Every structure is written in structure tokens, then in C-alpha cells.
């Protein structure tokens, strides 16, 4: 499933994450894994008007992060990935 923003632009575009405060996360911002661009395509998008709830979406994204990024222990990376799964009304 396609996402609203091209991944190669997102990874470098910290303006997208400007409303988020990651200053309490030690060492933030952390880099993305080298295979990040391929991995994000497998994550379920959420538009806010989908047939599933935001809670279901959060569970799906958490499962995908566990499978695709099992060694990522950095909360800022996980939160940015979650942001990238939002589109439409959910992103606004």
C-alpha cells in the first residue's frame, strides 16, 4: 500500500516530525535501519475513516515494528514509523 509521502524524502524531512517532542529520549534522533524504505511499505496505513479502529491500527503497527524492526529499541524511531502510517484525516 502506498503512503502519502515518499519514504526517501520522509527519512530526511525532520520538518514532518517538528510537532513531536523527542527531547526526553536519550540520544534522539536515532537513525533508521538501512532497509527502512522497504519495510515501511508493509505497514498498514490508517486514514481515520478505515473499517478498523485506531486501537486496531496501533496493534497492527506494533506487530509490524516487532517483526520488521526487532532490534529497534529507540522509541523515537517507533513513533516516527507510526506517524508515517497515518494518512488523510488521521494525519491532519
C-alpha atoms as a PDB file:
ATOM      1  CA  UNK A   1       0.000   0.000   0.000  1.00  0.00           C
ATOM      2  CA  UNK A   2       1.308   3.406  -0.901  1.00  0.00           C
ATOM      3  CA  UNK A   3       1.878   6.083   1.686  1.00  0.00           C
ATOM      4  CA  UNK A   4       1.209   9.780   1.334  1.00  0.00           C
ATOM      5  CA  UNK A   5       4.878  10.803   1.353  1.00  0.00           C
ATOM      6  CA  UNK A   6       7.783   9.175  -0.496  1.00  0.00           C
ATOM      7  CA  UNK A   7       9.868   7.359   2.119  1.00  0.00           C
ATOM      8  CA  UNK A   8      13.229   8.640   0.883  1.00  0.00           C
ATOM      9  CA  UNK A   9      12.001  12.207   1.444  1.00  0.00           C
ATOM     10  CA  UNK A  10      10.432  11.441   4.824  1.00  0.00           C
ATOM     11  CA  UNK A  11      13.541   9.914   6.304  1.00  0.00           C
ATOM     12  CA  UNK A  12      15.382  13.164   5.770  1.00  0.00           C
ATOM     13  CA  UNK A  13      12.461  15.537   6.365  1.00  0.00           C
ATOM     14  CA  UNK A  14      12.544  16.369  10.061  1.00  0.00           C
ATOM     15  CA  UNK A  15      10.035  19.155   9.428  1.00  0.00           C
ATOM     16  CA  UNK A  16       7.393  16.433   9.177  1.00  0.00           C
ATOM     17  CA  UNK A  17       8.146  15.476  12.782  1.00  0.00           C
ATOM     18  CA  UNK A  18       8.530  19.046  14.091  1.00  0.00           C
ATOM     19  CA  UNK A  19       5.306  18.928  16.158  1.00  0.00           C
ATOM     20  CA  UNK A  20       6.692  15.919  18.048  1.00  0.00           C
ATOM     21  CA  UNK A  21       8.991  16.335  21.030  1.00  0.00           C
ATOM     22  CA  UNK A  22      11.610  13.604  21.294  1.00  0.00           C
ATOM     23  CA  UNK A  23      13.984  15.536  23.577  1.00  0.00           C
ATOM     24  CA  UNK A  24      13.367  13.243  26.543  1.00  0.00           C
ATOM     25  CA  UNK A  25      14.578  10.220  24.577  1.00  0.00           C
ATOM     26  CA  UNK A  26      18.267   9.769  25.236  1.00  0.00           C
ATOM     27  CA  UNK A  27      20.348  10.052  22.067  1.00  0.00           C
ATOM     28  CA  UNK A  28      17.435  11.141  19.869  1.00  0.00           C
ATOM     29  CA  UNK A  29      17.161  11.470  16.984  1.00  0.00           C
ATOM     30  CA  UNK A  30      18.187   7.924  16.138  1.00  0.00           C
ATOM     31  CA  UNK A  31      18.745   6.764  12.577  1.00  0.00           C
ATOM     32  CA  UNK A  32      16.554   4.401  10.644  1.00  0.00           C
ATOM     33  CA  UNK A  33      17.677   0.893   9.670  1.00  0.00           C
ATOM     34  CA  UNK A  34      19.145   0.608   6.170  1.00  0.00           C
ATOM     35  CA  UNK A  35      16.132  -1.430   4.975  1.00  0.00           C
ATOM     36  CA  UNK A  36      13.610   1.085   6.310  1.00  0.00           C
ATOM     37  CA  UNK A  37      12.275   2.115   2.887  1.00  0.00           C
ATOM     38  CA  UNK A  38      11.328  -1.475   2.037  1.00  0.00           C
ATOM     39  CA  UNK A  39       9.924  -2.211   5.494  1.00  0.00           C
ATOM     40  CA  UNK A  40       7.524   0.747   5.663  1.00  0.00           C
ATOM     41  CA  UNK A  41       5.609  -0.472   2.610  1.00  0.00           C
ATOM     42  CA  UNK A  42       4.437  -3.478   4.635  1.00  0.00           C
ATOM     43  CA  UNK A  43       2.959  -1.333   7.385  1.00  0.00           C
ATOM     44  CA  UNK A  44      -0.817  -0.786   7.374  1.00  0.00           C
ATOM     45  CA  UNK A  45      -1.939   2.792   6.612  1.00  0.00           C
ATOM     46  CA  UNK A  46      -4.611   4.470   8.722  1.00  0.00           C
ATOM     47  CA  UNK A  47      -6.822   7.266   7.382  1.00  0.00           C
ATOM     48  CA  UNK A  48      -9.213   7.725  10.265  1.00  0.00           C
ATOM     49  CA  UNK A  49     -12.162   6.527   8.224  1.00  0.00           C
ATOM     50  CA  UNK A  50     -10.986   2.949   7.761  1.00  0.00           C
ATOM     51  CA  UNK A  51     -13.071  -0.045   8.755  1.00  0.00           C
ATOM     52  CA  UNK A  52     -10.832  -0.655  11.750  1.00  0.00           C
ATOM     53  CA  UNK A  53     -10.315   1.406  14.890  1.00  0.00           C
ATOM     54  CA  UNK A  54      -7.286   3.411  15.920  1.00  0.00           C
ATOM     55  CA  UNK A  55      -6.638   0.806  18.621  1.00  0.00           C
ATOM     56  CA  UNK A  56      -6.575  -1.963  15.992  1.00  0.00           C
ATOM     57  CA  UNK A  57      -4.227   0.150  13.883  1.00  0.00           C
ATOM     58  CA  UNK A  58      -1.863   0.687  16.812  1.00  0.00           C
ATOM     59  CA  UNK A  59      -1.808  -3.069  17.466  1.00  0.00           C
ATOM     60  CA  UNK A  60      -1.078  -3.758  13.779  1.00  0.00           C
ATOM     61  CA  UNK A  61       1.744  -1.208  13.639  1.00  0.00           C
ATOM     62  CA  UNK A  62       3.231  -2.541  16.894  1.00  0.00           C
ATOM     63  CA  UNK A  63       3.211  -6.050  15.453  1.00  0.00           C
ATOM     64  CA  UNK A  64       4.843  -4.847  12.221  1.00  0.00           C
ATOM     65  CA  UNK A  65       7.530  -2.999  14.175  1.00  0.00           C
ATOM     66  CA  UNK A  66       8.220  -6.145  16.196  1.00  0.00           C
ATOM     67  CA  UNK A  67       8.543  -8.226  13.032  1.00  0.00           C
ATOM     68  CA  UNK A  68      10.327  -5.777  10.735  1.00  0.00           C
ATOM     69  CA  UNK A  69      12.457  -3.893  13.220  1.00  0.00           C
ATOM     70  CA  UNK A  70      13.034  -6.343  16.072  1.00  0.00           C
ATOM     71  CA  UNK A  71      16.281  -4.703  17.147  1.00  0.00           C
ATOM     72  CA  UNK A  72      14.975  -1.156  17.151  1.00  0.00           C
ATOM     73  CA  UNK A  73      14.786  -0.208  20.786  1.00  0.00           C
ATOM     74  CA  UNK A  74      14.531   3.506  20.141  1.00  0.00           C
ATOM     75  CA  UNK A  75      11.148   4.998  20.939  1.00  0.00           C
ATOM     76  CA  UNK A  76      11.664   7.995  18.646  1.00  0.00           C
ATOM     77  CA  UNK A  77      12.123   5.670  15.650  1.00  0.00           C
ATOM     78  CA  UNK A  78       8.996   3.707  16.593  1.00  0.00           C
ATOM     79  CA  UNK A  79       6.955   6.901  16.981  1.00  0.00           C
ATOM     80  CA  UNK A  80       8.160   8.264  13.633  1.00  0.00           C
ATOM     81  CA  UNK A  81       7.215   4.995  11.951  1.00  0.00           C
ATOM     82  CA  UNK A  82       3.753   5.236  13.493  1.00  0.00           C
ATOM     83  CA  UNK A  83       3.417   8.792  12.162  1.00  0.00           C
ATOM     84  CA  UNK A  84       4.351   7.559   8.689  1.00  0.00           C
ATOM     85  CA  UNK A  85       1.433   5.100   8.744  1.00  0.00           C
ATOM     86  CA  UNK A  86      -1.086   7.924   9.106  1.00  0.00           C
ATOM     87  CA  UNK A  87      -2.738   9.445   6.068  1.00  0.00           C
ATOM     88  CA  UNK A  88      -5.770  11.503   5.195  1.00  0.00           C
ATOM     89  CA  UNK A  89      -7.799  12.758   8.147  1.00  0.00           C
ATOM     90  CA  UNK A  90      -5.708  10.759  10.620  1.00  0.00           C
ATOM     91  CA  UNK A  91      -2.545  12.606   9.559  1.00  0.00           C
ATOM     92  CA  UNK A  92      -4.137  16.026   9.805  1.00  0.00           C
END
